[in-house]
Amino acid sequence: MKQKWQKYIMAAVFGSIALGGFGGVNANDVTVVKVDSEPAAAVVDDNGDIVAVQTPTEAHNNTTGVMTKRVSSDISPASNKAMWEASDELSREADLVKVPEANAYYQRLSVAVQPIAISGERIHITYPTVTSVSPVVTKEINSRITKYVQTLQKNLEKNNLKADVKENLYMTYDVKANDKGIFSVLLKSYSIGDQAANGLNTVKAFTFNSTSGKVLTLHDFGGVKLDELNQAIANDEDLKPQFFPENRTVDKVPSDFYATEDHEIFVIFQQGTVGPMSAGTIYVPMGKLKY
């Protein structure tokens, strides 16, 4: 027993009287001590002598049955219960799993957005960079956007090397949603040749799940059926003039879209694909899709 005392540095002793037939042990009488930085409870025999001190980890891993039976056959059930309540509480503490603060999830429902500007010969672009509480989300979103921007830059440089009429590229961005787990942004490019009167608008839409960084597709929102898209075009009087008469019934659902925080979906037709160039980029509201 001396080794037990030396190892555990007991801070309290349960006397034989306190644990005897009087049954006078209450939950408050069970003294908790520290064993290797863990709280511990004393285990006594029927004579009230301390025979062991067990930490929550030891108690949890114990398969001998010592900690699952009555502490003493002499003391009252109430005394046994008081001691086991203390032991059980310590055991439960050992089983607790520490998890990140719940707020960490809610902080992922949006991201911080800052512009990055690049200006040089024939290129003037501004695109977004984001910061999330999750480094993984930050990396996923920024890598997708950056890769697209770099591709545009490389294509511009490559085309201008062999072109007689050089192209100029301009880009801005428009954040459509940044809340409730949705980050949706439009990268709006405008390319125009030297001395040209008009250029071409191109919209690249990115919609992310801001809690995971995953790129979302129309399918993730429930999908858009072709007949639903054509019905939406037919029902919107403001949209009809933007389409060529022969294109007011389209034969394919475009993959480009953006979403709002409330999951309202807008399908995107690029400039000149289904309507006159003067109509620009066409956005067809689809409302909330059915899951």
Protein backbone atom coordinates (compact mmCIF):
# COMPACT_ATOMS: atom_id res chain seq x y z
CA MET A 1 0.00 0.00 0.00
CA LYS A 2 2.94 2.36 0.55
CA GLN A 3 3.63 2.31 -3.17
CA LYS A 4 0.01 3.22 -3.83
CA TRP A 5 0.33 6.18 -1.53
CA GLN A 6 3.58 7.31 -3.10
CA LYS A 7 2.28 6.94 -6.64
CA TYR A 8 -1.02 8.68 -6.27
CA ILE A 9 -0.18 11.30 -3.59
CA MET A 10 -3.53 10.98 -1.89
CA ALA A 11 -5.23 14.17 -0.82
CA ALA A 12 -7.95 12.52 1.24
CA VAL A 13 -8.56 9.29 3.13
CA PHE A 14 -11.90 7.57 3.64
CA GLY A 15 -11.95 6.43 7.28
CA SER A 16 -13.37 3.13 8.38
CA ILE A 17 -15.97 4.91 10.49
CA ALA A 18 -17.21 7.07 7.64
CA LEU A 19 -17.53 4.04 5.42
CA GLY A 20 -18.74 1.65 8.08
CA GLY A 21 -22.19 0.57 9.08
CA PHE A 22 -23.35 4.13 9.64
CA GLY A 23 -23.56 4.60 5.89
CA GLY A 24 -22.83 8.27 6.26
CA VAL A 25 -21.13 8.87 2.93
CA ASN A 26 -22.65 11.54 0.71
CA ALA A 27 -21.63 12.57 -2.77
CA ASN A 28 -19.89 15.60 -1.27
CA ASP A 29 -17.78 13.31 0.94
CA VAL A 30 -16.14 11.62 -2.04
CA THR A 31 -12.94 13.56 -2.46
CA VAL A 32 -11.50 13.87 -5.93
CA VAL A 33 -7.73 13.88 -6.20
CA LYS A 34 -5.34 14.16 -9.13
CA VAL A 35 -3.40 11.23 -10.57
CA ASP A 36 -1.01 12.21 -13.35
CA SER A 37 -3.20 15.26 -14.01
CA GLU A 38 -6.38 13.15 -14.08
CA PRO A 39 -9.11 13.35 -11.41
CA ALA A 40 -9.34 10.13 -9.41
CA ALA A 41 -11.62 8.46 -6.87
CA ALA A 42 -10.64 6.20 -3.97
CA VAL A 43 -11.76 2.57 -3.82
CA VAL A 44 -11.95 1.00 -0.35
CA ASP A 45 -12.47 -2.48 1.03
CA ASP A 46 -15.04 -3.53 3.60
CA ASN A 47 -12.80 -2.34 6.40
CA GLY A 48 -12.64 1.15 4.99
CA ASP A 49 -9.02 0.83 3.92
CA ILE A 50 -8.05 2.37 0.62
CA VAL A 51 -7.08 -0.40 -1.75
CA ALA A 52 -6.86 1.52 -5.01
CA VAL A 53 -7.21 4.89 -6.60
CA GLN A 54 -8.62 4.88 -10.11
CA THR A 55 -8.63 7.59 -12.69
CA PRO A 56 -11.48 7.83 -15.22
CA THR A 57 -9.28 6.20 -17.84
CA GLU A 58 -8.41 3.31 -15.54
CA ALA A 59 -12.01 2.92 -14.48
CA HIS A 60 -13.17 2.97 -18.09
CA ASN A 61 -10.62 0.37 -19.15
CA ASN A 62 -11.08 -1.82 -16.08
CA THR A 63 -12.42 -5.26 -16.94
CA THR A 64 -11.99 -6.83 -13.50
CA GLY A 65 -15.41 -5.83 -12.29
CA VAL A 66 -14.02 -4.05 -9.23
CA MET A 67 -15.45 -0.72 -10.27
CA THR A 68 -18.75 -2.19 -11.41
CA LYS A 69 -19.71 -3.71 -8.07
CA ARG A 70 -20.51 -2.28 -4.65
CA VAL A 71 -17.60 -0.57 -2.96
CA SER A 72 -18.42 -2.28 0.29
CA SER A 73 -20.87 -4.93 1.41
CA ASP A 74 -21.05 -3.38 4.88
CA ILE A 75 -22.00 0.20 4.10
CA SER A 76 -25.51 1.17 3.14
CA PRO A 77 -26.78 1.21 -0.45
CA ALA A 78 -27.02 5.00 -0.18
CA SER A 79 -23.33 5.23 0.64
CA ASN A 80 -22.44 2.92 -2.21
CA LYS A 81 -24.60 4.99 -4.55
CA ALA A 82 -22.92 8.20 -3.45
CA MET A 83 -19.49 6.83 -4.20
CA TRP A 84 -20.49 5.31 -7.52
CA GLU A 85 -22.12 8.55 -8.61
CA ALA A 86 -18.78 10.26 -8.11
CA SER A 87 -16.93 7.46 -9.90
CA ASP A 88 -19.43 7.43 -12.76
CA GLU A 89 -19.12 11.17 -13.17
CA LEU A 90 -15.37 10.85 -13.46
CA SER A 91 -15.74 8.01 -15.94
CA ARG A 92 -18.08 10.11 -18.05
CA GLU A 93 -15.52 12.90 -18.05
CA ALA A 94 -13.01 10.46 -19.51
CA ASP A 95 -15.42 9.61 -22.32
CA LEU A 96 -16.08 13.21 -23.32
CA VAL A 97 -14.92 14.03 -26.83
CA LYS A 98 -13.69 17.53 -27.39
CA VAL A 99 -15.03 18.98 -30.63
CA PRO A 100 -14.48 22.34 -32.28
CA GLU A 101 -16.76 25.10 -31.13
CA ALA A 102 -20.19 24.90 -32.67
CA ASN A 103 -19.71 28.46 -33.86
CA ALA A 104 -16.97 27.25 -36.18
CA TYR A 105 -19.61 25.71 -38.45
CA TYR A 106 -21.74 28.84 -38.48
CA GLN A 107 -18.67 30.92 -39.25
CA ARG A 108 -18.30 28.86 -42.43
CA LEU A 109 -21.69 29.96 -43.73
CA SER A 110 -19.97 32.92 -45.37
CA VAL A 111 -16.47 33.91 -46.42
CA ALA A 112 -14.49 37.13 -46.35
CA VAL A 113 -13.95 38.52 -49.86
CA GLN A 114 -11.19 40.83 -51.04
CA PRO A 115 -10.29 41.98 -54.55
CA ILE A 116 -7.03 41.25 -56.32
CA ALA A 117 -6.16 43.58 -59.18
CA ILE A 118 -3.79 42.83 -62.04
CA SER A 119 -2.97 45.56 -64.51
CA GLY A 120 -0.55 45.33 -67.38
CA GLU A 121 -0.25 45.67 -71.12
CA ARG A 122 -3.64 44.73 -72.58
CA ILE A 123 -4.91 43.27 -69.34
CA HIS A 124 -6.86 44.94 -66.54
CA ILE A 125 -8.59 42.45 -64.29
CA THR A 126 -9.98 42.34 -60.79
CA TYR A 127 -11.02 39.04 -59.27
CA PRO A 128 -11.97 37.90 -55.76
CA THR A 129 -9.95 36.05 -53.20
CA VAL A 130 -11.69 34.59 -50.17
CA THR A 131 -10.77 33.73 -46.61
CA SER A 132 -12.70 31.13 -44.63
CA VAL A 133 -12.26 29.95 -41.04
CA SER A 134 -11.37 26.65 -42.72
CA PRO A 135 -8.02 26.62 -44.56
CA VAL A 136 -9.36 23.77 -46.71
CA VAL A 137 -12.33 25.86 -47.87
CA THR A 138 -10.08 28.85 -48.51
CA LYS A 139 -7.75 26.76 -50.66
CA GLU A 140 -10.53 25.03 -52.61
CA ILE A 141 -12.36 28.23 -53.56
CA ASN A 142 -9.29 30.31 -54.34
CA SER A 143 -7.62 27.58 -56.40
CA ARG A 144 -10.71 27.24 -58.62
CA ILE A 145 -11.00 30.96 -59.23
CA THR A 146 -7.27 31.51 -59.67
CA LYS A 147 -6.96 28.66 -62.16
CA TYR A 148 -9.69 30.18 -64.33
CA VAL A 149 -8.09 33.63 -64.23
CA GLN A 150 -4.66 32.25 -65.09
CA THR A 151 -6.13 30.34 -68.03
CA LEU A 152 -7.60 33.56 -69.43
CA GLN A 153 -4.26 35.31 -69.03
CA LYS A 154 -2.34 32.55 -70.81
CA ASN A 155 -4.85 32.38 -73.66
CA LEU A 156 -4.66 36.14 -74.13
CA GLU A 157 -0.86 36.10 -74.26
CA LYS A 158 -0.81 33.12 -76.62
CA ASN A 159 -3.37 34.59 -79.03
CA ASN A 160 -1.71 38.00 -79.08
CA LEU A 161 1.66 36.51 -80.03
CA LYS A 162 0.41 35.53 -83.49
CA ALA A 163 -2.52 37.90 -83.99
CA ASP A 164 -2.34 40.96 -86.21
CA VAL A 165 -5.07 42.63 -84.15
CA LYS A 166 -4.25 42.41 -80.48
CA GLU A 167 -6.89 41.66 -77.88
CA ASN A 168 -7.44 43.49 -74.62
CA LEU A 169 -8.97 41.82 -71.58
CA TYR A 170 -10.95 43.42 -68.77
CA MET A 171 -12.51 41.62 -65.85
CA THR A 172 -14.65 42.48 -62.86
CA TYR A 173 -16.63 40.32 -60.46
CA ASP A 174 -20.07 40.37 -58.90
CA VAL A 175 -20.85 38.47 -55.68
CA LYS A 176 -24.42 37.17 -55.89
CA ALA A 177 -24.53 35.21 -52.63
CA ASN A 178 -22.35 35.01 -49.54
CA ASP A 179 -24.41 33.59 -46.70
CA LYS A 180 -26.25 30.48 -45.50
CA GLY A 181 -23.50 28.21 -46.82
CA ILE A 182 -23.60 29.58 -50.38
CA PHE A 183 -20.90 31.63 -52.06
CA SER A 184 -21.85 32.47 -55.64
CA VAL A 185 -19.82 34.85 -57.76
CA LEU A 186 -19.78 35.95 -61.40
CA LEU A 187 -16.47 36.70 -63.13
CA LYS A 188 -17.38 39.07 -65.94
CA SER A 189 -14.83 39.31 -68.74
CA TYR A 190 -14.82 41.72 -71.65
CA SER A 191 -12.40 41.20 -74.52
CA ILE A 192 -12.00 43.70 -77.34
CA GLY A 193 -9.54 44.07 -80.19
CA ASP A 194 -7.52 47.17 -80.86
CA GLN A 195 -9.60 49.84 -82.60
CA ALA A 196 -12.68 47.58 -82.51
CA ALA A 197 -16.05 49.17 -81.87
CA ASN A 198 -17.44 46.30 -79.82
CA GLY A 199 -16.10 43.40 -77.85
CA LEU A 200 -17.41 40.18 -76.34
CA ASN A 201 -18.79 39.68 -72.85
CA THR A 202 -18.22 36.35 -71.14
CA VAL A 203 -19.54 35.38 -67.72
CA LYS A 204 -18.00 32.61 -65.67
CA ALA A 205 -20.16 31.64 -62.71
CA PHE A 206 -18.86 29.86 -59.63
CA THR A 207 -21.18 28.63 -56.90
CA PHE A 208 -19.58 27.03 -53.85
CA ASN A 209 -20.72 25.34 -50.69
CA SER A 210 -18.88 27.65 -48.29
CA THR A 211 -18.82 25.05 -45.50
CA SER A 212 -16.86 22.53 -47.59
CA GLY A 213 -15.45 24.44 -50.57
CA LYS A 214 -17.22 22.12 -53.00
CA VAL A 215 -18.27 23.52 -56.37
CA LEU A 216 -22.05 23.20 -56.72
CA THR A 217 -23.85 22.30 -59.94
CA LEU A 218 -27.48 22.65 -60.95
CA HIS A 219 -27.91 19.02 -59.99
CA ASP A 220 -26.95 19.87 -56.40
CA PHE A 221 -29.94 22.21 -56.27
CA GLY A 222 -32.32 19.70 -57.79
CA GLY A 223 -31.63 20.21 -61.49
CA VAL A 224 -33.42 22.18 -64.22
CA LYS A 225 -35.57 20.34 -66.74
CA LEU A 226 -35.66 21.58 -70.32
CA ASP A 227 -39.42 22.06 -70.34
CA GLU A 228 -39.23 24.04 -67.10
CA LEU A 229 -36.61 26.34 -68.61
CA ASN A 230 -38.65 26.94 -71.77
CA GLN A 231 -41.74 27.59 -69.67
CA ALA A 232 -39.83 30.15 -67.59
CA ILE A 233 -38.73 31.95 -70.77
CA ALA A 234 -42.25 31.90 -72.22
CA ASN A 235 -43.77 33.28 -69.02
CA ASP A 236 -41.36 36.22 -68.69
CA GLU A 237 -42.35 39.07 -71.00
CA ASP A 238 -39.13 40.94 -70.23
CA LEU A 239 -37.04 38.02 -71.44
CA LYS A 240 -38.70 37.42 -74.79
CA PRO A 241 -37.15 40.42 -76.60
CA GLN A 242 -33.69 39.22 -75.54
CA PHE A 243 -34.07 35.96 -77.47
CA PHE A 244 -34.13 35.41 -81.19
CA PRO A 245 -37.67 34.28 -82.09
CA GLU A 246 -36.35 30.90 -83.14
CA ASN A 247 -34.49 30.53 -79.84
CA ARG A 248 -37.34 31.26 -77.46
CA THR A 249 -37.60 27.51 -77.20
CA VAL A 250 -34.11 26.31 -76.39
CA ASP A 251 -32.91 22.75 -76.93
CA LYS A 252 -30.39 22.55 -74.10
CA VAL A 253 -30.08 23.66 -70.49
CA PRO A 254 -26.85 25.63 -70.09
CA SER A 255 -24.52 24.65 -67.27
CA ASP A 256 -23.79 28.23 -66.24
CA PHE A 257 -25.90 29.57 -63.38
CA TYR A 258 -25.73 31.49 -60.15
CA ALA A 259 -27.58 31.09 -56.88
CA THR A 260 -28.75 33.40 -54.12
CA GLU A 261 -28.50 32.69 -50.38
CA ASP A 262 -32.10 31.47 -50.48
CA HIS A 263 -31.35 29.00 -53.31
CA GLU A 264 -33.02 31.08 -56.02
CA ILE A 265 -31.45 29.92 -59.29
CA PHE A 266 -30.65 32.00 -62.38
CA VAL A 267 -29.63 30.16 -65.55
CA ILE A 268 -27.13 32.01 -67.74
CA PHE A 269 -27.02 32.26 -71.54
CA GLN A 270 -23.77 33.75 -72.85
CA GLN A 271 -23.88 36.81 -75.07
CA GLY A 272 -24.80 36.04 -78.67
CA THR A 273 -25.71 32.38 -78.14
CA VAL A 274 -29.53 32.64 -78.20
CA GLY A 275 -30.09 36.34 -78.81
CA PRO A 276 -28.60 39.40 -80.48
CA MET A 277 -25.27 40.73 -79.24
CA SER A 278 -27.05 43.84 -78.06
CA ALA A 279 -29.00 41.74 -75.54
CA GLY A 280 -25.80 40.93 -73.71
CA THR A 281 -25.72 38.10 -71.19
CA ILE A 282 -29.19 36.68 -70.50
CA TYR A 283 -30.20 35.58 -67.01
CA VAL A 284 -33.31 33.42 -66.68
CA PRO A 285 -34.81 33.25 -63.16
CA MET A 286 -35.86 29.71 -62.22
CA GLY A 287 -36.86 30.32 -58.61
CA LYS A 288 -36.20 27.64 -56.01
CA LEU A 289 -35.66 24.25 -57.54
CA LYS A 290 -37.36 21.12 -56.23
CA TYR A 291 -35.07 18.67 -54.48
